[in-house]
Protein backbone atom coordinates (compact mmCIF):
# COMPACT_ATOMS: atom_id res chain seq x y z
CA MET A 1 38.20 255.37 103.95
CA ASN A 2 34.81 254.69 102.31
CA ASP A 3 33.39 257.84 100.72
CA ASP A 4 29.91 257.03 102.02
CA PRO A 5 29.77 258.45 105.56
CA THR A 6 26.42 256.77 106.28
CA GLU A 7 27.75 253.21 105.91
CA LEU A 8 29.05 252.88 109.48
CA LEU A 9 25.95 254.56 110.85
CA ARG A 10 23.65 252.10 109.08
CA LYS A 11 25.74 249.17 110.30
CA HIS A 12 26.53 250.14 113.90
CA GLY A 13 24.23 253.02 114.86
CA LYS A 14 20.80 251.76 113.89
CA SER A 15 18.88 253.96 116.34
CA PHE A 16 20.75 257.08 115.24
CA ASN A 17 20.41 256.11 111.60
CA PHE A 18 16.65 255.83 112.06
CA ALA A 19 16.54 259.34 113.58
CA ARG A 20 18.82 260.65 110.82
CA LEU A 21 16.02 260.03 108.32
CA PHE A 22 14.14 262.92 109.91
CA LEU A 23 16.98 265.37 109.28
CA GLY A 24 17.56 267.30 106.09
CA SER A 25 19.95 265.68 103.62
CA ASP A 26 22.95 267.95 104.28
CA THR A 27 22.54 267.84 108.05
CA GLY A 28 22.07 264.07 108.00
CA ILE A 29 25.26 263.56 105.99
CA ALA A 30 27.23 265.86 108.32
CA ALA A 31 25.92 263.95 111.35
CA ALA A 32 26.99 260.68 109.72
CA ARG A 33 30.45 262.11 109.08
CA LEU A 34 30.81 262.94 112.76
CA TYR A 35 29.57 259.48 113.72
CA ARG A 36 32.15 257.93 111.39
CA PHE A 37 34.98 259.76 113.12
CA CYS A 38 33.70 258.74 116.55
CA ARG A 39 33.34 255.14 115.40
CA ILE A 40 36.89 255.05 114.07
CA VAL A 41 38.15 256.18 117.48
CA ASP A 42 36.00 253.62 119.32
CA ASP A 43 37.04 250.76 117.06
CA ILE A 44 40.74 251.40 117.64
CA ALA A 45 40.18 250.81 121.35
CA ASP A 46 37.64 248.00 121.15
CA GLU A 47 38.85 245.88 118.24
CA SER A 48 42.62 245.92 118.64
CA THR A 49 44.22 242.83 120.15
CA ASP A 50 47.35 244.83 120.94
CA LYS A 51 46.47 247.45 123.55
CA GLU A 52 49.81 249.20 123.31
CA GLN A 53 49.47 249.53 119.56
CA ALA A 54 45.96 250.90 120.03
CA ARG A 55 47.25 253.40 122.57
CA ASN A 56 49.88 254.57 120.08
CA GLU A 57 47.28 254.87 117.30
CA LEU A 58 44.99 256.96 119.47
CA ASN A 59 47.84 259.16 120.61
CA ASN A 60 48.88 259.62 116.99
CA LEU A 61 45.33 260.65 116.04
CA LYS A 62 45.31 263.15 118.89
CA ASN A 63 48.58 264.70 117.74
CA LEU A 64 47.38 264.85 114.14
CA ILE A 65 44.33 266.80 115.23
CA ILE A 66 46.42 269.13 117.37
CA ASP A 67 48.75 269.76 114.42
CA LYS A 68 45.86 269.99 111.90
CA GLN A 69 47.39 267.34 109.66
CA ILE A 70 44.68 267.21 106.99
CA GLU A 71 46.78 264.89 104.82
CA HIS A 72 45.98 261.97 107.14
CA PHE A 73 42.85 260.17 105.91
CA GLN A 74 41.51 259.33 109.38
CA VAL A 75 41.38 262.93 110.56
CA LYS A 76 41.06 264.89 107.31
CA ASP A 77 37.28 264.74 107.11
CA PHE A 78 36.91 265.44 110.84
CA LEU A 79 39.01 268.60 110.52
CA LEU A 80 37.06 269.65 107.43
CA LEU A 81 33.84 269.11 109.37
CA CYS A 82 35.17 271.25 112.20
CA ASP A 83 35.92 274.05 109.75
CA GLU A 84 32.56 273.78 108.01
CA TYR A 85 30.50 273.90 111.22
CA SER A 86 32.80 275.83 113.58
CA ILE A 87 33.30 272.80 115.81
CA ASP A 88 36.07 273.06 118.38
CA ARG A 89 38.47 270.33 117.28
CA HIS A 90 39.65 269.93 120.87
CA HIS A 91 36.38 268.12 121.56
CA GLY A 92 37.74 265.37 119.31
CA ILE A 93 40.86 265.28 121.46
CA THR A 94 38.73 264.93 124.60
CA LEU A 95 36.89 262.03 122.96
CA ILE A 96 40.17 260.28 122.15
CA GLU A 97 41.40 260.77 125.72
CA GLY A 98 38.18 259.30 127.07
CA VAL A 99 38.30 256.27 124.79
CA THR A 100 41.96 255.74 125.69
CA GLN A 101 40.80 255.02 129.27
CA ASP A 102 39.19 251.85 127.95
CA LEU A 103 42.55 250.36 127.05
CA ASP A 104 43.27 249.73 130.72
CA LYS A 105 41.22 247.66 133.13
CA VAL A 106 38.29 249.87 134.11
CA ALA A 107 36.90 249.99 137.63
CA LEU A 108 35.38 253.41 138.20
CA PRO A 109 35.55 254.43 141.85
CA SER A 110 32.72 256.94 142.08
CA VAL A 111 29.74 258.66 140.47
CA GLU A 112 32.03 261.61 139.82
CA ALA A 113 34.37 259.42 137.75
CA LEU A 114 31.39 257.91 135.94
CA VAL A 115 29.97 261.27 134.87
CA GLN A 116 33.41 262.53 133.86
CA TYR A 117 33.95 259.45 131.69
CA ALA A 118 30.50 259.81 130.11
CA PHE A 119 31.29 263.43 129.30
CA ARG A 120 34.59 262.56 127.60
CA VAL A 121 33.17 259.83 125.39
CA ALA A 122 29.64 261.14 124.75
CA GLY A 123 29.00 264.58 126.22
CA VAL A 124 31.58 266.05 123.86
CA VAL A 125 29.85 264.30 120.97
CA GLY A 126 26.79 266.33 121.89
CA LEU A 127 28.94 269.45 121.81
CA MET A 128 30.22 268.54 118.36
CA MET A 129 26.77 267.65 117.06
CA ALA A 130 25.16 270.87 118.33
CA PRO A 131 26.59 273.20 115.65
CA ILE A 132 25.83 270.64 112.94
CA LEU A 133 22.20 270.75 114.06
CA GLY A 134 22.16 274.54 114.10
CA ALA A 135 21.77 274.81 117.87
CA ASP A 136 21.74 278.13 119.65
CA LYS A 137 24.85 278.21 121.86
CA ARG A 138 22.63 278.49 124.92
CA GLY A 139 21.61 274.92 124.15
CA TYR A 140 25.11 273.46 124.32
CA PRO A 141 24.95 272.44 128.02
CA PHE A 142 21.74 270.53 127.27
CA ALA A 143 23.46 268.79 124.34
CA VAL A 144 26.13 267.60 126.75
CA ASP A 145 23.43 266.17 129.00
CA LEU A 146 21.75 264.23 126.22
CA GLY A 147 25.10 262.70 125.30
CA ILE A 148 25.75 261.74 128.92
CA GLY A 149 22.28 260.24 129.28
CA MET A 150 22.80 258.08 126.21
CA GLN A 151 26.20 256.92 127.42
CA LEU A 152 24.78 255.94 130.81
CA THR A 153 22.18 253.90 128.92
CA ASN A 154 25.00 252.25 126.97
CA ILE A 155 26.74 251.30 130.19
CA ALA A 156 23.54 249.85 131.66
CA ARG A 157 22.90 247.80 128.52
CA ASP A 158 26.47 246.47 128.27
CA VAL A 159 27.30 245.56 131.88
CA MET A 160 28.06 241.93 131.01
CA GLU A 161 29.79 242.67 127.71
CA ASP A 162 32.01 245.24 129.40
CA ALA A 163 32.83 242.85 132.25
CA ARG A 164 34.14 240.35 129.68
CA MET A 165 36.54 243.11 128.56
CA GLN A 166 37.60 243.73 132.18
CA ARG A 167 35.63 246.95 132.40
CA ARG A 168 33.32 247.97 135.23
CA TYR A 169 31.80 251.40 134.79
CA LEU A 170 29.30 251.06 137.62
CA PRO A 171 30.75 253.07 140.52
CA ALA A 172 32.49 251.02 143.21
CA GLU A 173 30.30 252.63 145.85
CA TRP A 174 27.20 251.19 144.16
CA VAL A 175 28.44 247.61 143.74
CA ASN A 176 30.46 247.06 146.92
CA ASN A 177 33.60 247.31 144.80
CA ALA A 178 32.72 244.13 142.89
CA SER A 179 35.25 243.37 140.18
CA ALA A 180 34.50 242.62 136.54
CA LEU A 181 35.33 238.97 137.28
CA GLN A 182 32.76 238.89 140.08
CA ILE A 183 30.14 240.43 137.77
CA LEU A 184 30.75 237.53 135.37
CA SER A 185 30.11 235.04 138.17
CA ASN A 186 26.73 233.57 139.02
CA GLU A 187 26.88 234.65 142.66
CA SER A 188 23.37 235.72 143.58
CA ASN A 189 24.49 238.44 146.00
CA VAL A 190 26.64 240.04 143.30
CA GLN A 191 23.83 239.80 140.76
CA ASN A 192 21.39 241.48 143.13
CA THR A 193 23.84 244.27 143.88
CA VAL A 194 24.63 244.88 140.22
CA GLN A 195 20.92 244.82 139.30
CA ALA A 196 20.25 247.51 141.89
CA ALA A 197 23.23 249.53 140.69
CA THR A 198 22.04 249.31 137.08
CA ALA A 199 18.62 250.60 138.10
CA GLN A 200 20.33 253.45 139.97
CA LEU A 201 22.39 254.18 136.86
CA LEU A 202 19.26 254.41 134.73
CA GLU A 203 17.67 256.74 137.27
CA LEU A 204 20.71 259.00 136.90
CA ALA A 205 20.46 258.73 133.11
CA GLU A 206 16.84 259.89 133.26
CA SER A 207 17.84 263.19 134.87
CA TYR A 208 20.22 263.83 131.97
CA TYR A 209 17.60 262.84 129.39
CA GLN A 210 15.11 265.27 130.92
CA SER A 211 17.64 268.08 130.65
CA GLY A 212 18.63 267.07 127.12
CA LEU A 213 15.00 267.15 126.00
CA VAL A 214 14.58 270.63 127.43
CA GLY A 215 17.44 271.68 125.18
CA LEU A 216 15.39 270.85 122.08
CA TYR A 217 14.06 274.39 122.36
CA PHE A 218 17.41 275.63 121.05
CA LEU A 219 17.27 273.61 117.82
CA PRO A 220 15.53 274.40 114.53
CA PRO A 221 12.14 272.61 114.47
CA ARG A 222 13.07 269.88 111.99
CA ASN A 223 16.24 268.99 113.83
CA SER A 224 14.53 269.08 117.21
CA ARG A 225 12.13 266.42 115.95
CA ALA A 226 14.97 264.15 114.84
CA ILE A 227 16.83 264.48 118.14
CA ALA A 228 13.64 263.93 120.15
CA ILE A 229 13.14 260.67 118.24
CA ALA A 230 16.74 259.59 118.87
CA ALA A 231 16.39 260.35 122.58
CA TYR A 232 13.10 258.49 122.93
CA ILE A 233 14.46 255.42 121.16
CA TYR A 234 17.68 255.31 123.15
CA ARG A 235 15.93 255.96 126.46
CA GLN A 236 13.63 253.02 125.70
CA ILE A 237 16.60 250.67 125.98
CA GLY A 238 16.90 251.63 129.63
CA ARG A 239 13.17 251.37 130.22
CA LYS A 240 13.13 247.85 128.78
CA LEU A 241 16.02 246.94 131.08
CA LEU A 242 14.09 248.24 134.08
CA LYS A 243 10.99 246.32 133.00
CA ASN A 244 13.13 243.17 133.02
CA GLN A 245 14.52 243.94 136.50
CA CYS A 246 17.90 244.87 134.98
CA GLN A 247 18.85 241.27 134.37
CA TYR A 248 22.14 242.28 132.81
CA TRP A 249 23.25 238.69 132.11
CA LEU A 250 20.51 238.19 129.51
CA GLN A 251 20.91 238.98 125.81
CA ARG A 252 21.58 242.57 124.78
CA THR A 253 18.51 244.80 124.97
CA ILE A 254 17.42 246.25 121.64
CA VAL A 255 14.54 248.32 120.29
CA SER A 256 12.87 246.75 117.26
CA THR A 257 11.99 248.70 114.12
CA PRO A 258 8.22 248.60 114.87
CA GLN A 259 8.96 249.89 118.39
CA LYS A 260 11.09 252.67 116.90
CA ALA A 261 8.18 253.76 114.72
CA ILE A 262 5.89 253.88 117.77
CA LEU A 263 8.47 255.81 119.80
CA ALA A 264 8.98 258.24 116.92
CA ALA A 265 5.25 258.94 116.88
CA GLN A 266 5.27 259.42 120.67
CA ALA A 267 8.23 261.78 120.48
CA LEU A 268 6.60 263.89 117.78
CA TRP A 269 3.29 263.95 119.65
CA HIS A 270 4.92 265.06 122.90
CA LEU A 271 7.02 267.62 121.10
CA ARG A 272 3.92 269.14 119.57
CA PHE A 273 1.31 268.87 122.30
CA SER A 274 2.91 268.41 125.71
CA GLY A 275 4.81 271.69 125.94
CA LEU A 276 8.11 269.80 125.83
CA ALA A 277 10.94 272.29 125.39
CA ASP A 278 8.65 275.12 124.31
CA GLU A 279 10.33 277.90 126.25
CA VAL A 280 13.77 278.95 127.45
CA CYS A 281 14.76 277.13 130.63
CA GLN A 282 17.77 277.57 132.84
CA HIS A 283 20.21 274.70 132.78
CA GLU A 284 20.43 272.69 135.99
CA ASN A 285 24.03 273.37 136.98
CA SER A 286 24.14 270.47 139.43
CA LEU A 287 24.24 268.09 136.44
CA HIS A 288 27.70 269.44 135.59
CA ILE A 289 29.08 269.64 139.10
CA HIS A 290 31.57 266.85 138.36
CA LEU A 291 32.71 268.25 135.00
CA PRO A 292 35.66 270.51 134.29
CA LYS A 293 34.79 274.14 133.70
CA HIS A 294 33.93 274.72 130.05
CA ASN A 295 32.65 277.70 128.15
CA PHE A 296 29.58 275.92 126.80
């Protein structure tokens, strides 16, 4: 494993890497270390040509974490990170279980299944990132929501790419049970349905972003600024999709570096002057109605 934990972040997580620049050095490195672990897990599922081998690798990682096998290079740094920041290592297990779902054909049946999936692969990342950022524990439910919001944006951005991998995360009830193969077709009725479903998905994501931004109150000021910037940049992907009528078959939506700079300025302005996350707020429990009971 490369000793530089920021390498994967610079290569694959450009929006997060941009926001990392606003964190302190130690916090930024720790965040990159967590990202590296998450990326390793994702890559096993997405890059392997042998799904059964990938399943075995993920299961092996899960068992190594359960057994605290620090001798294994792929989990050693994750376990050290958990010890350093009091992260529950079982969140890493939940992440692995969520990513393992992607090894099968994916056709999510409902909004409930969608939110549960987003929690497993991204909400728990928020839970793991929260102690690294020095969050008050009262802010953990909001960290889950920001992770879910970002994952829903991912799904909206990658509808076509996922369909090529036989994955359909849009709930069946939103797309008339259209298959991944149908999404790849040029049938106008399917396109219209999927466009509407993608817009609905981004509307759902917005409710999680709003909650996640409220949770900035529970972070130290410097870290709250960095996370606000990350949220604004990632949310912009969805807003650009909506502006383009969610034409999911077009090239992947990105946010350019100049746009990121503008969004960073907007995030910092709103954080300072708009009253964003400036007082304790109760978490909206309905956002977690589909999630298993956790002691956040």
